[in-house]
Amino acid sequence: KVDSVTGTSFAAPHVTASVALLQEYGDRQLRAKQSNWSLDSRRHEVM
């Protein structure tokens, strides 16, 4: 059933999962050997 919830508990996973989308894109660029892309794209500091 649908619940309406509130709190930082539910804000944080928006950020965590957004990292997954960015990393999918970065890995796609790495596989295609695009210029200006390296494994540095996976660094936590970069994210």
All heavy atoms as atom14 arrays in JSON, in Angstrom:
{
  "sequence": "KVDSVTGTSFAAPHVTASVALLQEYGDRQLRAKQSNWSLDSRRHEVM",
  "atom14_mask": [
    [1, 1, 1, 1, 1, 1, 1, 1, 1, 0, 0, 0, 0, 0],
    [1, 1, 1, 1, 1, 1, 1, 0, 0, 0, 0, 0, 0, 0],
    [1, 1, 1, 1, 1, 1, 1, 1, 0, 0, 0, 0, 0, 0],
    [1, 1, 1, 1, 1, 1, 0, 0, 0, 0, 0, 0, 0, 0],
    [1, 1, 1, 1, 1, 1, 1, 0, 0, 0, 0, 0, 0, 0],
    [1, 1, 1, 1, 1, 1, 1, 0, 0, 0, 0, 0, 0, 0],
    [1, 1, 1, 1, 0, 0, 0, 0, 0, 0, 0, 0, 0, 0],
    [1, 1, 1, 1, 1, 1, 1, 0, 0, 0, 0, 0, 0, 0],
    [1, 1, 1, 1, 1, 1, 0, 0, 0, 0, 0, 0, 0, 0],
    [1, 1, 1, 1, 1, 1, 1, 1, 1, 1, 1, 0, 0, 0],
    [1, 1, 1, 1, 1, 0, 0, 0, 0, 0, 0, 0, 0, 0],
    [1, 1, 1, 1, 1, 0, 0, 0, 0, 0, 0, 0, 0, 0],
    [1, 1, 1, 1, 1, 1, 1, 0, 0, 0, 0, 0, 0, 0],
    [1, 1, 1, 1, 1, 1, 1, 1, 1, 1, 0, 0, 0, 0],
    [1, 1, 1, 1, 1, 1, 1, 0, 0, 0, 0, 0, 0, 0],
    [1, 1, 1, 1, 1, 1, 1, 0, 0, 0, 0, 0, 0, 0],
    [1, 1, 1, 1, 1, 0, 0, 0, 0, 0, 0, 0, 0, 0],
    [1, 1, 1, 1, 1, 1, 0, 0, 0, 0, 0, 0, 0, 0],
    [1, 1, 1, 1, 1, 1, 1, 0, 0, 0, 0, 0, 0, 0],
    [1, 1, 1, 1, 1, 0, 0, 0, 0, 0, 0, 0, 0, 0],
    [1, 1, 1, 1, 1, 1, 1, 1, 0, 0, 0, 0, 0, 0],
    [1, 1, 1, 1, 1, 1, 1, 1, 0, 0, 0, 0, 0, 0],
    [1, 1, 1, 1, 1, 1, 1, 1, 1, 0, 0, 0, 0, 0],
    [1, 1, 1, 1, 1, 1, 1, 1, 1, 0, 0, 0, 0, 0],
    [1, 1, 1, 1, 1, 1, 1, 1, 1, 1, 1, 1, 0, 0],
    [1, 1, 1, 1, 0, 0, 0, 0, 0, 0, 0, 0, 0, 0],
    [1, 1, 1, 1, 1, 1, 1, 1, 0, 0, 0, 0, 0, 0],
    [1, 1, 1, 1, 1, 1, 1, 1, 1, 1, 1, 0, 0, 0],
    [1, 1, 1, 1, 1, 1, 1, 1, 1, 0, 0, 0, 0, 0],
    [1, 1, 1, 1, 1, 1, 1, 1, 0, 0, 0, 0, 0, 0],
    [1, 1, 1, 1, 1, 1, 1, 1, 1, 1, 1, 0, 0, 0],
    [1, 1, 1, 1, 1, 0, 0, 0, 0, 0, 0, 0, 0, 0],
    [1, 1, 1, 1, 1, 1, 1, 1, 1, 0, 0, 0, 0, 0],
    [1, 1, 1, 1, 1, 1, 1, 1, 1, 0, 0, 0, 0, 0],
    [1, 1, 1, 1, 1, 1, 0, 0, 0, 0, 0, 0, 0, 0],
    [1, 1, 1, 1, 1, 1, 1, 1, 0, 0, 0, 0, 0, 0],
    [1, 1, 1, 1, 1, 1, 1, 1, 1, 1, 1, 1, 1, 1],
    [1, 1, 1, 1, 1, 1, 0, 0, 0, 0, 0, 0, 0, 0],
    [1, 1, 1, 1, 1, 1, 1, 1, 0, 0, 0, 0, 0, 0],
    [1, 1, 1, 1, 1, 1, 1, 1, 0, 0, 0, 0, 0, 0],
    [1, 1, 1, 1, 1, 1, 0, 0, 0, 0, 0, 0, 0, 0],
    [1, 1, 1, 1, 1, 1, 1, 1, 1, 1, 1, 0, 0, 0],
    [1, 1, 1, 1, 1, 1, 1, 1, 1, 1, 1, 0, 0, 0],
    [1, 1, 1, 1, 1, 1, 1, 1, 1, 1, 0, 0, 0, 0],
    [1, 1, 1, 1, 1, 1, 1, 1, 1, 0, 0, 0, 0, 0],
    [1, 1, 1, 1, 1, 1, 1, 0, 0, 0, 0, 0, 0, 0],
    [1, 1, 1, 1, 1, 1, 1, 1, 0, 0, 0, 0, 0, 0]
  ],
  "atom14_positions": [
    [[0.84, -1.19, 0.0], [0.0, 0.0, 0.0], [0.88, 1.25, 0.0], [2.01, 1.22, 0.46], [-0.91, 0.0, 1.22], [-1.89, -1.18, 1.25], [-2.76, -1.15, 2.51], [-3.71, -2.34, 2.52], [-4.56, -2.34, 3.75], [0.0, 0.0, 0.0], [0.0, 0.0, 0.0], [0.0, 0.0, 0.0], [0.0, 0.0, 0.0], [0.0, 0.0, 0.0]],
    [[0.32, 2.35, -0.5], [1.08, 3.59, -0.61], [1.11, 4.3, 0.74], [0.07, 4.54, 1.36], [0.48, 4.52, -1.68], [1.24, 5.85, -1.71], [0.53, 3.85, -3.04], [0.0, 0.0, 0.0], [0.0, 0.0, 0.0], [0.0, 0.0, 0.0], [0.0, 0.0, 0.0], [0.0, 0.0, 0.0], [0.0, 0.0, 0.0], [0.0, 0.0, 0.0]],
    [[2.3, 4.62, 1.2], [2.52, 5.43, 2.4], [3.18, 6.73, 1.98], [4.02, 6.76, 1.07], [3.43, 4.72, 3.4], [2.65, 3.86, 4.38], [1.41, 3.91, 4.35], [3.29, 3.12, 5.16], [0.0, 0.0, 0.0], [0.0, 0.0, 0.0], [0.0, 0.0, 0.0], [0.0, 0.0, 0.0], [0.0, 0.0, 0.0], [0.0, 0.0, 0.0]],
    [[2.84, 7.81, 2.66], [3.51, 9.1, 2.45], [4.47, 9.31, 3.6], [4.06, 9.38, 4.75], [2.48, 10.23, 2.39], [3.11, 11.45, 2.1], [0.0, 0.0, 0.0], [0.0, 0.0, 0.0], [0.0, 0.0, 0.0], [0.0, 0.0, 0.0], [0.0, 0.0, 0.0], [0.0, 0.0, 0.0], [0.0, 0.0, 0.0], [0.0, 0.0, 0.0]],
    [[5.76, 9.37, 3.3], [6.79, 9.4, 4.35], [7.62, 10.68, 4.22], [7.7, 11.3, 3.17], [7.7, 8.16, 4.25], [6.91, 6.9, 4.54], [8.38, 8.07, 2.89], [0.0, 0.0, 0.0], [0.0, 0.0, 0.0], [0.0, 0.0, 0.0], [0.0, 0.0, 0.0], [0.0, 0.0, 0.0], [0.0, 0.0, 0.0], [0.0, 0.0, 0.0]],
    [[8.25, 11.05, 5.34], [9.0, 12.3, 5.41], [10.27, 12.11, 6.21], [10.27, 11.39, 7.22], [8.14, 13.41, 6.06], [7.04, 13.71, 5.21], [8.95, 14.68, 6.29], [0.0, 0.0, 0.0], [0.0, 0.0, 0.0], [0.0, 0.0, 0.0], [0.0, 0.0, 0.0], [0.0, 0.0, 0.0], [0.0, 0.0, 0.0], [0.0, 0.0, 0.0]],
    [[11.35, 12.78, 5.79], [12.58, 12.79, 6.58], [13.83, 12.71, 5.73], [13.77, 12.42, 4.52], [0.0, 0.0, 0.0], [0.0, 0.0, 0.0], [0.0, 0.0, 0.0], [0.0, 0.0, 0.0], [0.0, 0.0, 0.0], [0.0, 0.0, 0.0], [0.0, 0.0, 0.0], [0.0, 0.0, 0.0], [0.0, 0.0, 0.0], [0.0, 0.0, 0.0]],
    [[14.96, 12.97, 6.37], [16.24, 12.86, 5.66], [16.5, 11.43, 5.22], [17.26, 11.2, 4.27], [17.4, 13.36, 6.54], [17.41, 12.6, 7.76], [17.26, 14.82, 6.88], [0.0, 0.0, 0.0], [0.0, 0.0, 0.0], [0.0, 0.0, 0.0], [0.0, 0.0, 0.0], [0.0, 0.0, 0.0], [0.0, 0.0, 0.0], [0.0, 0.0, 0.0]],
    [[15.88, 10.47, 5.9], [16.02, 9.06, 5.5], [15.62, 8.84, 4.06], [16.15, 7.94, 3.39], [15.16, 8.16, 6.39], [15.67, 8.05, 7.69], [0.0, 0.0, 0.0], [0.0, 0.0, 0.0], [0.0, 0.0, 0.0], [0.0, 0.0, 0.0], [0.0, 0.0, 0.0], [0.0, 0.0, 0.0], [0.0, 0.0, 0.0], [0.0, 0.0, 0.0]],
    [[14.68, 9.64, 3.57], [14.18, 9.44, 2.22], [14.74, 10.46, 1.23], [14.59, 10.3, 0.02], [12.64, 9.46, 2.25], [12.1, 8.48, 3.24], [11.63, 8.9, 4.48], [12.13, 7.12, 2.98], [11.19, 7.99, 5.42], [11.68, 6.2, 3.92], [11.2, 6.64, 5.14], [0.0, 0.0, 0.0], [0.0, 0.0, 0.0], [0.0, 0.0, 0.0]],
    [[15.42, 11.47, 1.75], [16.16, 12.39, 0.89], [17.47, 11.77, 0.45], [17.85, 11.82, -0.73], [16.4, 13.71, 1.62], [0.0, 0.0, 0.0], [0.0, 0.0, 0.0], [0.0, 0.0, 0.0], [0.0, 0.0, 0.0], [0.0, 0.0, 0.0], [0.0, 0.0, 0.0], [0.0, 0.0, 0.0], [0.0, 0.0, 0.0], [0.0, 0.0, 0.0]],
    [[18.19, 11.14, 1.39], [19.5, 10.58, 1.1], [19.49, 9.59, -0.07], [20.36, 9.67, -0.95], [20.09, 9.95, 2.36], [0.0, 0.0, 0.0], [0.0, 0.0, 0.0], [0.0, 0.0, 0.0], [0.0, 0.0, 0.0], [0.0, 0.0, 0.0], [0.0, 0.0, 0.0], [0.0, 0.0, 0.0], [0.0, 0.0, 0.0], [0.0, 0.0, 0.0]],
    [[18.54, 8.63, -0.13], [18.59, 7.66, -1.23], [18.36, 8.28, -2.61], [18.75, 7.68, -3.62], [17.5, 6.65, -0.88], [16.61, 7.35, 0.1], [17.5, 8.27, 0.87], [0.0, 0.0, 0.0], [0.0, 0.0, 0.0], [0.0, 0.0, 0.0], [0.0, 0.0, 0.0], [0.0, 0.0, 0.0], [0.0, 0.0, 0.0], [0.0, 0.0, 0.0]],
    [[17.74, 9.46, -2.68], [17.67, 10.16, -3.97], [19.08, 10.46, -4.49], [19.36, 10.36, -5.69], [16.91, 11.48, -3.83], [15.42, 11.33, -3.73], [14.77, 11.04, -2.55], [14.44, 11.46, -4.66], [13.46, 10.98, -2.76], [13.23, 11.23, -4.05], [0.0, 0.0, 0.0], [0.0, 0.0, 0.0], [0.0, 0.0, 0.0], [0.0, 0.0, 0.0]],
    [[19.97, 10.82, -3.56], [21.34, 11.16, -3.94], [22.13, 9.89, -4.27], [22.82, 9.82, -5.29], [22.03, 11.94, -2.8], [23.45, 12.31, -3.2], [21.22, 13.2, -2.45], [0.0, 0.0, 0.0], [0.0, 0.0, 0.0], [0.0, 0.0, 0.0], [0.0, 0.0, 0.0], [0.0, 0.0, 0.0], [0.0, 0.0, 0.0], [0.0, 0.0, 0.0]],
    [[22.02, 8.88, -3.41], [22.74, 7.62, -3.62], [22.43, 7.02, -4.99], [23.33, 6.61, -5.73], [22.38, 6.62, -2.52], [22.58, 7.21, -1.24], [23.22, 5.35, -2.63], [0.0, 0.0, 0.0], [0.0, 0.0, 0.0], [0.0, 0.0, 0.0], [0.0, 0.0, 0.0], [0.0, 0.0, 0.0], [0.0, 0.0, 0.0], [0.0, 0.0, 0.0]],
    [[21.15, 6.96, -5.32], [20.75, 6.35, -6.59], [21.11, 7.23, -7.79], [21.36, 6.71, -8.88], [19.26, 6.06, -6.57], [0.0, 0.0, 0.0], [0.0, 0.0, 0.0], [0.0, 0.0, 0.0], [0.0, 0.0, 0.0], [0.0, 0.0, 0.0], [0.0, 0.0, 0.0], [0.0, 0.0, 0.0], [0.0, 0.0, 0.0], [0.0, 0.0, 0.0]],
    [[21.16, 8.53, -7.59], [21.59, 9.41, -8.69], [23.04, 9.12, -9.07], [23.41, 9.21, -10.25], [21.44, 10.88, -8.28], [20.08, 11.24, -8.14], [0.0, 0.0, 0.0], [0.0, 0.0, 0.0], [0.0, 0.0, 0.0], [0.0, 0.0, 0.0], [0.0, 0.0, 0.0], [0.0, 0.0, 0.0], [0.0, 0.0, 0.0], [0.0, 0.0, 0.0]],
    [[23.85, 8.74, -8.08], [25.23, 8.34, -8.37], [25.23, 7.15, -9.32], [26.07, 7.08, -10.24], [25.98, 8.01, -7.07], [27.35, 7.39, -7.37], [26.16, 9.26, -6.22], [0.0, 0.0, 0.0], [0.0, 0.0, 0.0], [0.0, 0.0, 0.0], [0.0, 0.0, 0.0], [0.0, 0.0, 0.0], [0.0, 0.0, 0.0], [0.0, 0.0, 0.0]],
    [[24.33, 6.21, -9.13], [24.26, 5.04, -10.01], [24.02, 5.44, -11.46], [24.61, 4.87, -12.39], [23.18, 4.08, -9.54], [0.0, 0.0, 0.0], [0.0, 0.0, 0.0], [0.0, 0.0, 0.0], [0.0, 0.0, 0.0], [0.0, 0.0, 0.0], [0.0, 0.0, 0.0], [0.0, 0.0, 0.0], [0.0, 0.0, 0.0], [0.0, 0.0, 0.0]],
    [[23.15, 6.41, -11.7], [22.88, 6.86, -13.06], [24.11, 7.52, -13.67], [24.46, 7.26, -14.83], [21.71, 7.84, -13.08], [20.38, 7.35, -12.51], [19.29, 8.38, -12.74], [19.97, 6.01, -13.12], [0.0, 0.0, 0.0], [0.0, 0.0, 0.0], [0.0, 0.0, 0.0], [0.0, 0.0, 0.0], [0.0, 0.0, 0.0], [0.0, 0.0, 0.0]],
    [[24.77, 8.37, -12.9], [25.97, 9.03, -13.4], [27.06, 8.0, -13.7], [27.77, 8.1, -14.71], [26.47, 10.05, -12.39], [25.54, 11.22, -12.07], [26.15, 12.1, -10.98], [25.24, 12.05, -13.31], [0.0, 0.0, 0.0], [0.0, 0.0, 0.0], [0.0, 0.0, 0.0], [0.0, 0.0, 0.0], [0.0, 0.0, 0.0], [0.0, 0.0, 0.0]],
    [[27.19, 7.02, -12.83], [28.22, 6.01, -13.03], [27.91, 5.1, -14.23], [28.83, 4.66, -14.92], [28.39, 5.18, -11.76], [29.06, 5.95, -10.64], [30.48, 6.34, -11.0], [31.34, 5.5, -11.25], [30.74, 7.65, -11.04], [0.0, 0.0, 0.0], [0.0, 0.0, 0.0], [0.0, 0.0, 0.0], [0.0, 0.0, 0.0], [0.0, 0.0, 0.0]],
    [[26.64, 4.83, -14.48], [26.29, 4.09, -15.69], [26.72, 4.87, -16.92], [27.29, 4.31, -17.87], [24.79, 3.82, -15.74], [24.38, 3.03, -16.98], [22.88, 2.89, -17.17], [22.11, 3.43, -16.34], [22.46, 2.26, -18.16], [0.0, 0.0, 0.0], [0.0, 0.0, 0.0], [0.0, 0.0, 0.0], [0.0, 0.0, 0.0], [0.0, 0.0, 0.0]],
    [[26.47, 6.17, -16.91], [26.89, 7.0, -18.04], [28.41, 7.01, -18.17], [28.96, 6.86, -19.27], [26.38, 8.43, -17.88], [26.86, 9.35, -18.97], [26.22, 9.36, -20.21], [27.97, 10.16, -18.79], [26.67, 10.18, -21.24], [28.43, 10.98, -19.82], [27.77, 10.99, -21.03], [28.23, 11.79, -22.06], [0.0, 0.0, 0.0], [0.0, 0.0, 0.0]],
    [[29.11, 7.18, -17.05], [30.57, 7.2, -17.09], [31.15, 5.9, -17.61], [32.07, 5.9, -18.45], [0.0, 0.0, 0.0], [0.0, 0.0, 0.0], [0.0, 0.0, 0.0], [0.0, 0.0, 0.0], [0.0, 0.0, 0.0], [0.0, 0.0, 0.0], [0.0, 0.0, 0.0], [0.0, 0.0, 0.0], [0.0, 0.0, 0.0], [0.0, 0.0, 0.0]],
    [[30.61, 4.77, -17.16], [31.1, 3.47, -17.65], [30.8, 3.29, -19.13], [31.58, 2.66, -19.86], [30.47, 2.34, -16.83], [31.12, 2.18, -15.46], [31.99, 3.01, -15.12], [30.75, 1.25, -14.73], [0.0, 0.0, 0.0], [0.0, 0.0, 0.0], [0.0, 0.0, 0.0], [0.0, 0.0, 0.0], [0.0, 0.0, 0.0], [0.0, 0.0, 0.0]],
    [[29.69, 3.83, -19.58], [29.35, 3.78, -21.01], [30.41, 4.53, -21.83], [30.85, 4.07, -22.88], [27.96, 4.4, -21.22], [27.42, 4.31, -22.63], [26.11, 5.09, -22.74], [25.04, 4.51, -21.91], [23.86, 5.1, -21.74], [23.61, 6.28, -22.3], [22.94, 4.52, -21.0], [0.0, 0.0, 0.0], [0.0, 0.0, 0.0], [0.0, 0.0, 0.0]],
    [[30.82, 5.69, -21.32], [31.86, 6.47, -22.01], [33.19, 5.73, -22.0], [33.94, 5.77, -22.99], [32.02, 7.84, -21.34], [30.77, 8.71, -21.37], [30.33, 9.04, -22.77], [29.53, 8.31, -23.37], [30.86, 10.13, -23.31], [0.0, 0.0, 0.0], [0.0, 0.0, 0.0], [0.0, 0.0, 0.0], [0.0, 0.0, 0.0], [0.0, 0.0, 0.0]],
    [[33.5, 5.07, -20.9], [34.75, 4.31, -20.81], [34.77, 3.14, -21.79], [35.78, 2.89, -22.46], [34.96, 3.8, -19.39], [35.26, 4.86, -18.32], [35.21, 4.23, -16.93], [36.61, 5.5, -18.55], [0.0, 0.0, 0.0], [0.0, 0.0, 0.0], [0.0, 0.0, 0.0], [0.0, 0.0, 0.0], [0.0, 0.0, 0.0], [0.0, 0.0, 0.0]],
    [[33.66, 2.44, -21.89], [33.59, 1.31, -22.82], [33.75, 1.77, -24.26], [34.32, 1.06, -25.1], [32.27, 0.56, -22.65], [32.19, -0.29, -21.4], [31.01, -1.24, -21.45], [29.74, -0.53, -21.53], [29.04, -0.13, -20.47], [29.5, -0.36, -19.25], [27.89, 0.5, -20.63], [0.0, 0.0, 0.0], [0.0, 0.0, 0.0], [0.0, 0.0, 0.0]],
    [[33.21, 2.95, -24.55], [33.31, 3.5, -25.92], [34.65, 4.18, -26.15], [34.9, 4.68, -27.26], [32.17, 4.49, -26.16], [0.0, 0.0, 0.0], [0.0, 0.0, 0.0], [0.0, 0.0, 0.0], [0.0, 0.0, 0.0], [0.0, 0.0, 0.0], [0.0, 0.0, 0.0], [0.0, 0.0, 0.0], [0.0, 0.0, 0.0], [0.0, 0.0, 0.0]],
    [[35.51, 4.19, -25.12], [36.84, 4.8, -25.2], [36.78, 6.25, -25.67], [37.54, 6.7, -26.52], [37.76, 3.97, -26.1], [37.99, 2.56, -25.57], [38.95, 1.76, -26.46], [39.18, 0.37, -25.87], [40.1, -0.44, -26.71], [0.0, 0.0, 0.0], [0.0, 0.0, 0.0], [0.0, 0.0, 0.0], [0.0, 0.0, 0.0], [0.0, 0.0, 0.0]],
    [[35.83, 6.97, -25.09], [35.67, 8.38, -25.41], [36.85, 9.19, -24.88], [37.41, 8.86, -23.83], [34.37, 8.92, -24.81], [33.11, 8.34, -25.41], [32.87, 8.8, -26.84], [33.34, 9.86, -27.25], [32.16, 8.0, -27.61], [0.0, 0.0, 0.0], [0.0, 0.0, 0.0], [0.0, 0.0, 0.0], [0.0, 0.0, 0.0], [0.0, 0.0, 0.0]],
    [[37.22, 10.21, -25.62], [38.29, 11.09, -25.15], [37.83, 11.85, -23.91], [36.63, 12.05, -23.7], [38.69, 12.08, -26.24], [37.58, 12.87, -26.65], [0.0, 0.0, 0.0], [0.0, 0.0, 0.0], [0.0, 0.0, 0.0], [0.0, 0.0, 0.0], [0.0, 0.0, 0.0], [0.0, 0.0, 0.0], [0.0, 0.0, 0.0], [0.0, 0.0, 0.0]],
    [[38.77, 12.26, -23.09], [38.5, 12.98, -21.85], [37.7, 12.16, -20.85], [36.96, 12.7, -20.03], [37.78, 14.31, -22.13], [38.63, 15.25, -22.95], [38.4, 15.4, -24.15], [39.64, 15.85, -22.33], [0.0, 0.0, 0.0], [0.0, 0.0, 0.0], [0.0, 0.0, 0.0], [0.0, 0.0, 0.0], [0.0, 0.0, 0.0], [0.0, 0.0, 0.0]],
    [[37.89, 10.82, -20.92], [37.3, 9.95, -19.91], [38.33, 8.96, -19.43], [39.1, 8.4, -20.22], [36.07, 9.2, -20.47], [34.88, 10.08, -20.54], [34.52, 10.88, -21.57], [33.94, 10.33, -19.49], [33.4, 11.59, -21.24], [33.01, 11.27, -19.98], [33.77, 9.82, -18.21], [31.95, 11.73, -19.21], [32.71, 10.27, -17.44], [31.81, 11.21, -17.94]],
    [[38.37, 8.74, -18.13], [39.28, 7.78, -17.54], [38.6, 7.16, -16.33], [37.48, 7.55, -15.95], [40.59, 8.46, -17.11], [40.39, 9.21, -15.91], [0.0, 0.0, 0.0], [0.0, 0.0, 0.0], [0.0, 0.0, 0.0], [0.0, 0.0, 0.0], [0.0, 0.0, 0.0], [0.0, 0.0, 0.0], [0.0, 0.0, 0.0], [0.0, 0.0, 0.0]],
    [[39.27, 6.21, -15.7], [38.73, 5.59, -14.49], [38.57, 6.58, -13.35], [37.93, 6.27, -12.34], [39.61, 4.42, -14.06], [39.57, 3.18, -14.96], [40.59, 2.15, -14.49], [38.18, 2.57, -14.98], [0.0, 0.0, 0.0], [0.0, 0.0, 0.0], [0.0, 0.0, 0.0], [0.0, 0.0, 0.0], [0.0, 0.0, 0.0], [0.0, 0.0, 0.0]],
    [[39.14, 7.77, -13.49], [38.92, 8.82, -12.49], [37.44, 9.16, -12.36], [37.01, 9.7, -11.34], [39.7, 10.08, -12.85], [41.21, 9.91, -12.68], [41.62, 8.98, -11.96], [41.96, 10.7, -13.27], [0.0, 0.0, 0.0], [0.0, 0.0, 0.0], [0.0, 0.0, 0.0], [0.0, 0.0, 0.0], [0.0, 0.0, 0.0], [0.0, 0.0, 0.0]],
    [[36.65, 8.87, -13.4], [35.21, 9.15, -13.35], [34.51, 8.36, -12.26], [33.4, 8.7, -11.85], [34.56, 8.85, -14.7], [34.66, 7.47, -15.01], [0.0, 0.0, 0.0], [0.0, 0.0, 0.0], [0.0, 0.0, 0.0], [0.0, 0.0, 0.0], [0.0, 0.0, 0.0], [0.0, 0.0, 0.0], [0.0, 0.0, 0.0], [0.0, 0.0, 0.0]],
    [[35.16, 7.3, -11.75], [34.56, 6.49, -10.7], [34.93, 6.97, -9.3], [34.41, 6.44, -8.32], [35.01, 5.03, -10.87], [34.53, 4.39, -12.16], [35.04, 2.96, -12.28], [34.53, 2.32, -13.49], [34.87, 1.09, -13.89], [35.72, 0.38, -13.15], [34.36, 0.58, -15.0], [0.0, 0.0, 0.0], [0.0, 0.0, 0.0], [0.0, 0.0, 0.0]],
    [[35.82, 7.92, -9.2], [36.29, 8.37, -7.89], [35.17, 9.0, -7.06], [34.35, 9.77, -7.57], [37.41, 9.4, -8.05], [38.69, 8.88, -8.68], [39.39, 7.86, -7.83], [39.56, 8.3, -6.43], [40.17, 7.55, -5.51], [40.63, 6.35, -5.82], [40.3, 8.0, -4.26], [0.0, 0.0, 0.0], [0.0, 0.0, 0.0], [0.0, 0.0, 0.0]],
    [[35.17, 8.68, -5.76], [34.13, 9.24, -4.88], [34.27, 10.75, -4.75], [33.27, 11.46, -4.64], [34.2, 8.57, -3.5], [35.44, 8.84, -2.74], [36.63, 8.17, -2.95], [35.73, 9.73, -1.75], [37.56, 8.62, -2.14], [37.04, 9.57, -1.39], [0.0, 0.0, 0.0], [0.0, 0.0, 0.0], [0.0, 0.0, 0.0], [0.0, 0.0, 0.0]],
    [[35.51, 11.26, -4.8], [35.69, 12.72, -4.73], [35.07, 13.41, -5.94], [34.52, 14.51, -5.82], [37.17, 13.08, -4.64], [37.92, 12.48, -3.46], [38.72, 11.26, -3.86], [38.2, 10.47, -4.69], [39.86, 11.1, -3.37], [0.0, 0.0, 0.0], [0.0, 0.0, 0.0], [0.0, 0.0, 0.0], [0.0, 0.0, 0.0], [0.0, 0.0, 0.0]],
    [[35.17, 12.77, -7.11], [34.58, 13.33, -8.33], [33.06, 13.39, -8.2], [32.43, 14.41, -8.52], [35.0, 12.52, -9.57], [34.19, 12.94, -10.8], [36.49, 12.69, -9.84], [0.0, 0.0, 0.0], [0.0, 0.0, 0.0], [0.0, 0.0, 0.0], [0.0, 0.0, 0.0], [0.0, 0.0, 0.0], [0.0, 0.0, 0.0], [0.0, 0.0, 0.0]],
    [[32.46, 12.31, -7.72], [31.01, 12.31, -7.54], [30.58, 13.4, -6.56], [29.57, 14.09, -6.77], [30.54, 10.95, -7.04], [30.47, 9.87, -8.09], [29.22, 10.17, -9.37], [30.16, 11.04, -10.62], [0.0, 0.0, 0.0], [0.0, 0.0, 0.0], [0.0, 0.0, 0.0], [0.0, 0.0, 0.0], [0.0, 0.0, 0.0], [0.0, 0.0, 0.0]]
  ]
}
